[in-house]
Amino acid sequence: MATFKYSAMNSEGKEVSGIVEEMDENSANGFLRAKGLYPTSITEDRRGQGRKRPARDKAEREKTLAAMTVPLLILLVLSLAANAMFATMLFCR
């Protein structure tokens, strides 16, 4: 995800500006249009690149990783059990 600064006109004709995080400039443009804004400029904000993330972000990533690994482990164990079951069925005939 990249951070983009934007300036846009709202439906009342007032200029608004802000920051949005999207994959690319086209996605940012689509996001703003979906919010009823008409972008006049969108530029990528590169100031935050290269900085280390705070420790709490690392803790959140570790929680997410742990939450994703458990279902994968269950799938692995179940597939090994199913494989053993099918092998037993084939060789016991």
Protein backbone atom coordinates (compact mmCIF):
# COMPACT_ATOMS: atom_id res chain seq x y z
CA MET A 1 0.00 0.00 0.00
CA ALA A 2 1.14 3.49 -0.80
CA THR A 3 0.13 6.79 0.74
CA PHE A 4 -1.25 9.47 -1.57
CA LYS A 5 -1.93 13.14 -0.89
CA TYR A 6 -4.88 14.51 -2.79
CA SER A 7 -6.75 17.68 -3.56
CA ALA A 8 -10.29 17.36 -4.81
CA MET A 9 -13.56 19.20 -5.27
CA ASN A 10 -16.62 17.99 -3.41
CA SER A 11 -20.19 18.09 -4.77
CA GLU A 12 -20.64 21.61 -3.37
CA GLY A 13 -17.59 22.88 -5.28
CA LYS A 14 -15.40 23.28 -2.21
CA GLU A 15 -11.78 22.20 -2.37
CA VAL A 16 -10.85 19.43 0.06
CA SER A 17 -7.53 17.71 0.63
CA GLY A 18 -6.28 14.74 2.56
CA ILE A 19 -4.39 11.50 2.56
CA VAL A 20 -5.52 8.09 1.33
CA GLU A 21 -3.79 4.69 1.31
CA GLU A 22 -4.28 2.63 -1.82
CA MET A 23 -2.32 0.24 -4.04
CA ASP A 24 -1.70 2.77 -6.81
CA GLU A 25 -2.77 6.17 -8.12
CA ASN A 26 -5.64 4.72 -10.17
CA SER A 27 -7.05 2.98 -7.08
CA ALA A 28 -6.77 6.21 -5.10
CA ASN A 29 -8.61 8.05 -7.88
CA GLY A 30 -11.39 5.43 -7.88
CA PHE A 31 -11.66 5.54 -4.10
CA LEU A 32 -12.06 9.32 -4.10
CA ARG A 33 -14.63 9.25 -6.91
CA ALA A 34 -16.62 6.60 -5.01
CA LYS A 35 -16.74 9.06 -2.09
CA GLY A 36 -18.23 11.72 -4.37
CA LEU A 37 -15.01 13.69 -4.76
CA TYR A 38 -13.50 14.93 -8.01
CA PRO A 39 -9.69 14.73 -7.71
CA THR A 40 -7.69 17.65 -9.06
CA SER A 41 -4.30 16.28 -7.98
CA ILE A 42 -3.01 13.03 -6.50
CA THR A 43 0.65 12.62 -5.55
CA GLU A 44 2.41 9.78 -3.78
CA ASP A 45 3.74 10.70 -0.35
CA ARG A 46 7.16 9.08 -0.04
CA ARG A 47 8.19 10.63 3.29
CA GLY A 48 7.28 7.59 5.38
CA GLN A 49 9.12 5.04 3.26
CA GLY A 50 12.14 3.39 4.80
CA ARG A 51 11.15 4.05 8.39
CA LYS A 52 10.86 1.22 10.86
CA ARG A 53 7.38 0.39 12.04
CA PRO A 54 6.51 0.75 15.70
CA ALA A 55 6.70 -2.35 17.88
CA ARG A 56 2.93 -2.59 18.19
CA ASP A 57 2.65 -3.11 14.44
CA LYS A 58 5.10 -6.00 14.75
CA ALA A 59 2.98 -7.51 17.54
CA GLU A 60 -0.15 -7.18 15.40
CA ARG A 61 1.60 -8.87 12.47
CA GLU A 62 2.70 -11.72 14.73
CA LYS A 63 -0.88 -12.19 15.98
CA THR A 64 -2.14 -12.25 12.41
CA LEU A 65 0.53 -14.73 11.41
CA ALA A 66 -0.34 -16.98 14.34
CA ALA A 67 -4.04 -16.77 13.49
CA MET A 68 -3.30 -17.79 9.90
CA THR A 69 -0.92 -20.63 10.79
CA VAL A 70 -3.35 -22.58 12.97
CA PRO A 71 -5.87 -23.25 10.17
CA LEU A 72 -3.01 -24.16 7.83
CA LEU A 73 -1.68 -26.63 10.39
CA ILE A 74 -5.14 -28.18 10.74
CA LEU A 75 -5.41 -28.53 6.96
CA LEU A 76 -2.00 -30.17 6.82
CA VAL A 77 -2.84 -32.67 9.56
CA LEU A 78 -6.20 -33.50 7.95
CA SER A 79 -4.63 -33.98 4.52
CA LEU A 80 -2.00 -36.32 5.98
CA ALA A 81 -4.72 -38.30 7.75
CA ALA A 82 -6.78 -38.50 4.55
CA ASN A 83 -3.72 -39.57 2.60
CA ALA A 84 -3.03 -42.35 5.12
CA MET A 85 -6.67 -43.44 4.99
CA PHE A 86 -6.68 -43.69 1.19
CA ALA A 87 -3.35 -45.52 1.19
CA THR A 88 -4.78 -48.03 3.68
CA MET A 89 -7.88 -48.49 1.51
CA LEU A 90 -5.78 -49.15 -1.60
CA PHE A 91 -3.38 -51.63 -0.03
CA CYS A 92 -5.92 -53.55 2.06
CA ARG A 93 -7.93 -54.77 -0.91
